[in-house]
Amino acid sequence: MHLEVMLPSSVFGRYDEVESVVLETPEGSFGLLPHRRDCVAALEPGILTYTQKGQATSYLAVDEGVMVKKGQQVRVSVRNAHSGDDLEALKQSVLTEFLSLSDKEAEMRSVLARLESGLMRGFKSLTS
């Protein structure tokens, strides 16, 4: 298979002769082998594991995104990614960067919802 990991502004990496890929989805781990049927999956922050022909297993820390498999092409589009040999460091990266970002986003959405409701109350007072 050919694995391509894309970020919003660039291509993070392209990997040829990939024999297997394991991703994290909201339903749990999801594995891909070369003859698996075409599919699409939502990804959550976690560790993407892939094995290239004749090489050791490699790991990427990835943020949330989407995976599309069509034929021998596997495309992963995520907001952020890190590579490294130390699996523990990558797991820590997921916990500190990607999951905490989700907390910041939740806080931002809460603030925006309060601003929106205040704006709606202001419009309502204008029509009354």
C-alpha atoms as a PDB file:
ATOM      1  CA  MET A   1       0.000   0.000   0.000  1.00  0.00           C
ATOM      2  CA  HIS A   2       0.982   3.636  -0.267  1.00  0.00           C
ATOM      3  CA  LEU A   3       0.361   5.714   2.894  1.00  0.00           C
ATOM      4  CA  GLU A   4       0.145   9.484   2.709  1.00  0.00           C
ATOM      5  CA  VAL A   5      -0.253  11.612   5.853  1.00  0.00           C
ATOM      6  CA  MET A   6      -1.461  15.138   5.138  1.00  0.00           C
ATOM      7  CA  LEU A   7      -1.693  18.241   7.334  1.00  0.00           C
ATOM      8  CA  PRO A   8      -3.832  21.301   6.507  1.00  0.00           C
ATOM      9  CA  SER A   9      -0.890  23.159   5.005  1.00  0.00           C
ATOM     10  CA  SER A  10       1.468  20.421   3.790  1.00  0.00           C
ATOM     11  CA  VAL A  11       2.160  16.750   3.275  1.00  0.00           C
ATOM     12  CA  PHE A  12       3.627  15.302   6.480  1.00  0.00           C
ATOM     13  CA  GLY A  13       4.914  12.105   4.914  1.00  0.00           C
ATOM     14  CA  ARG A  14       4.620   9.574   2.117  1.00  0.00           C
ATOM     15  CA  TYR A  15       5.407   5.919   2.784  1.00  0.00           C
ATOM     16  CA  ASP A  16       5.676   3.198   0.126  1.00  0.00           C
ATOM     17  CA  GLU A  17       5.412  -0.589   0.413  1.00  0.00           C
ATOM     18  CA  VAL A  18       3.285  -0.357   3.562  1.00  0.00           C
ATOM     19  CA  GLU A  19       2.122  -3.788   4.669  1.00  0.00           C
ATOM     20  CA  SER A  20      -0.234  -2.729   7.486  1.00  0.00           C
ATOM     21  CA  VAL A  21      -1.688   0.354   9.159  1.00  0.00           C
ATOM     22  CA  VAL A  22      -3.420   0.617  12.553  1.00  0.00           C
ATOM     23  CA  LEU A  23      -5.367   3.776  13.432  1.00  0.00           C
ATOM     24  CA  GLU A  24      -7.429   5.025  16.379  1.00  0.00           C
ATOM     25  CA  THR A  25     -11.122   5.705  15.700  1.00  0.00           C
ATOM     26  CA  PRO A  26     -13.941   6.673  18.079  1.00  0.00           C
ATOM     27  CA  GLU A  27     -15.001   2.992  18.011  1.00  0.00           C
ATOM     28  CA  GLY A  28     -11.473   1.694  18.805  1.00  0.00           C
ATOM     29  CA  SER A  29      -8.440   0.535  16.857  1.00  0.00           C
ATOM     30  CA  PHE A  30      -8.864   0.013  13.122  1.00  0.00           C
ATOM     31  CA  GLY A  31      -6.465  -2.090  11.060  1.00  0.00           C
ATOM     32  CA  LEU A  32      -5.772  -2.026   7.333  1.00  0.00           C
ATOM     33  CA  LEU A  33      -4.115  -4.680   5.193  1.00  0.00           C
ATOM     34  CA  PRO A  34      -3.461  -4.360   1.437  1.00  0.00           C
ATOM     35  CA  HIS A  35      -6.542  -6.316   0.292  1.00  0.00           C
ATOM     36  CA  ARG A  36      -9.046  -4.731   2.661  1.00  0.00           C
ATOM     37  CA  ARG A  37     -12.081  -3.205   0.973  1.00  0.00           C
ATOM     38  CA  ASP A  38     -12.166   0.534   0.354  1.00  0.00           C
ATOM     39  CA  CYS A  39     -13.346   2.496   3.370  1.00  0.00           C
ATOM     40  CA  VAL A  40     -13.446   5.815   5.220  1.00  0.00           C
ATOM     41  CA  ALA A  41     -12.974   6.328   8.970  1.00  0.00           C
ATOM     42  CA  ALA A  42     -12.978   9.272  11.364  1.00  0.00           C
ATOM     43  CA  LEU A  43      -9.832   9.413  13.472  1.00  0.00           C
ATOM     44  CA  GLU A  44      -9.336  10.592  17.000  1.00  0.00           C
ATOM     45  CA  PRO A  45      -6.073  11.699  18.584  1.00  0.00           C
ATOM     46  CA  GLY A  46      -3.800   8.710  19.047  1.00  0.00           C
ATOM     47  CA  ILE A  47      -0.941   6.660  17.677  1.00  0.00           C
ATOM     48  CA  LEU A  48      -0.908   5.602  14.026  1.00  0.00           C
ATOM     49  CA  THR A  49       1.164   2.453  13.544  1.00  0.00           C
ATOM     50  CA  TYR A  50       2.448   1.323  10.160  1.00  0.00           C
ATOM     51  CA  THR A  51       4.831  -1.331   8.912  1.00  0.00           C
ATOM     52  CA  GLN A  52       6.807  -1.043   5.687  1.00  0.00           C
ATOM     53  CA  LYS A  53       8.143  -4.078   3.850  1.00  0.00           C
ATOM     54  CA  GLY A  54      11.367  -5.298   5.475  1.00  0.00           C
ATOM     55  CA  GLN A  55      11.391  -2.586   8.172  1.00  0.00           C
ATOM     56  CA  ALA A  56      10.485  -2.317  11.839  1.00  0.00           C
ATOM     57  CA  THR A  57       7.112  -0.955  12.909  1.00  0.00           C
ATOM     58  CA  SER A  58       6.929   2.860  12.864  1.00  0.00           C
ATOM     59  CA  TYR A  59       4.721   5.193  14.881  1.00  0.00           C
ATOM     60  CA  LEU A  60       3.147   8.621  14.368  1.00  0.00           C
ATOM     61  CA  ALA A  61       1.250  10.688  16.916  1.00  0.00           C
ATOM     62  CA  VAL A  62      -1.743  12.118  15.050  1.00  0.00           C
ATOM     63  CA  ASP A  63      -4.497  14.542  15.926  1.00  0.00           C
ATOM     64  CA  GLU A  64      -8.113  14.030  14.909  1.00  0.00           C
ATOM     65  CA  GLY A  65      -8.896  13.737  11.236  1.00  0.00           C
ATOM     66  CA  VAL A  66     -10.064  11.314   8.565  1.00  0.00           C
ATOM     67  CA  MET A  67      -8.670   8.272   6.751  1.00  0.00           C
ATOM     68  CA  VAL A  68      -9.642   7.223   3.227  1.00  0.00           C
ATOM     69  CA  LYS A  69      -8.561   3.898   1.712  1.00  0.00           C
ATOM     70  CA  LYS A  70      -9.114   3.440  -2.007  1.00  0.00           C
ATOM     71  CA  GLY A  71      -7.362   0.541  -3.686  1.00  0.00           C
ATOM     72  CA  GLN A  72      -3.750   0.534  -2.547  1.00  0.00           C
ATOM     73  CA  GLN A  73      -3.844   4.229  -1.535  1.00  0.00           C
ATOM     74  CA  VAL A  74      -4.348   5.137   2.127  1.00  0.00           C
ATOM     75  CA  ARG A  75      -4.699   8.862   2.775  1.00  0.00           C
ATOM     76  CA  VAL A  76      -4.773  10.208   6.304  1.00  0.00           C
ATOM     77  CA  SER A  77      -5.658  13.868   6.778  1.00  0.00           C
ATOM     78  CA  VAL A  78      -5.087  15.211  10.299  1.00  0.00           C
ATOM     79  CA  ARG A  79      -4.682  18.603  11.947  1.00  0.00           C
ATOM     80  CA  ASN A  80      -1.250  17.802  13.388  1.00  0.00           C
ATOM     81  CA  ALA A  81       1.245  14.939  13.521  1.00  0.00           C
ATOM     82  CA  HIS A  82       4.584  14.030  15.116  1.00  0.00           C
ATOM     83  CA  SER A  83       6.936  11.189  14.284  1.00  0.00           C
ATOM     84  CA  GLY A  84       9.510   9.554  16.497  1.00  0.00           C
ATOM     85  CA  ASP A  85      11.087   6.341  17.669  1.00  0.00           C
ATOM     86  CA  ASP A  86      10.093   6.693  21.333  1.00  0.00           C
ATOM     87  CA  LEU A  87       6.538   5.391  21.670  1.00  0.00           C
ATOM     88  CA  GLU A  88       6.150   6.783  25.212  1.00  0.00           C
ATOM     89  CA  ALA A  89       7.144  10.287  24.035  1.00  0.00           C
ATOM     90  CA  LEU A  90       4.596  10.064  21.230  1.00  0.00           C
ATOM     91  CA  LYS A  91       1.867   8.967  23.646  1.00  0.00           C
ATOM     92  CA  GLN A  92       2.762  11.910  25.894  1.00  0.00           C
ATOM     93  CA  SER A  93       2.569  14.213  22.876  1.00  0.00           C
ATOM     94  CA  VAL A  94      -0.974  12.991  22.175  1.00  0.00           C
ATOM     95  CA  LEU A  95      -1.992  13.598  25.784  1.00  0.00           C
ATOM     96  CA  THR A  96      -0.426  17.023  26.211  1.00  0.00           C
ATOM     97  CA  GLU A  97      -0.843  18.593  22.776  1.00  0.00           C
ATOM     98  CA  PHE A  98      -3.735  17.007  20.942  1.00  0.00           C
ATOM     99  CA  LEU A  99      -6.134  16.232  23.790  1.00  0.00           C
ATOM    100  CA  SER A 100      -5.478  19.514  25.631  1.00  0.00           C
ATOM    101  CA  LEU A 101      -6.149  21.350  22.370  1.00  0.00           C
ATOM    102  CA  SER A 102      -9.575  19.725  22.378  1.00  0.00           C
ATOM    103  CA  ASP A 103     -10.160  21.160  25.879  1.00  0.00           C
ATOM    104  CA  LYS A 104      -9.148  24.624  24.650  1.00  0.00           C
ATOM    105  CA  GLU A 105     -11.488  24.283  21.696  1.00  0.00           C
ATOM    106  CA  ALA A 106     -14.358  23.275  23.998  1.00  0.00           C
ATOM    107  CA  GLU A 107     -13.725  26.369  26.106  1.00  0.00           C
ATOM    108  CA  MET A 108     -13.632  28.549  22.989  1.00  0.00           C
ATOM    109  CA  ARG A 109     -16.902  27.068  21.745  1.00  0.00           C
ATOM    110  CA  SER A 110     -18.487  27.798  25.125  1.00  0.00           C
ATOM    111  CA  VAL A 111     -17.358  31.436  24.965  1.00  0.00           C
ATOM    112  CA  LEU A 112     -18.653  31.759  21.400  1.00  0.00           C
ATOM    113  CA  ALA A 113     -22.007  30.260  22.403  1.00  0.00           C
ATOM    114  CA  ARG A 114     -22.333  32.839  25.211  1.00  0.00           C
ATOM    115  CA  LEU A 115     -21.458  35.663  22.789  1.00  0.00           C
ATOM    116  CA  GLU A 116     -23.973  34.349  20.289  1.00  0.00           C
ATOM    117  CA  SER A 117     -26.755  34.136  22.876  1.00  0.00           C
ATOM    118  CA  GLY A 118     -25.937  37.675  24.063  1.00  0.00           C
ATOM    119  CA  LEU A 119     -26.115  38.906  20.491  1.00  0.00           C
ATOM    120  CA  MET A 120     -29.486  37.190  20.004  1.00  0.00           C
ATOM    121  CA  ARG A 121     -30.827  38.795  23.217  1.00  0.00           C
ATOM    122  CA  GLY A 122     -29.633  42.173  21.883  1.00  0.00           C
ATOM    123  CA  PHE A 123     -31.484  41.650  18.603  1.00  0.00           C
ATOM    124  CA  LYS A 124     -34.571  40.547  20.504  1.00  0.00           C
ATOM    125  CA  SER A 125     -34.545  43.713  22.603  1.00  0.00           C
ATOM    126  CA  LEU A 126     -34.337  45.816  19.423  1.00  0.00           C
ATOM    127  CA  THR A 127     -37.491  44.187  18.007  1.00  0.00           C
ATOM    128  CA  SER A 128     -39.486  44.515  21.231  1.00  0.00           C
END
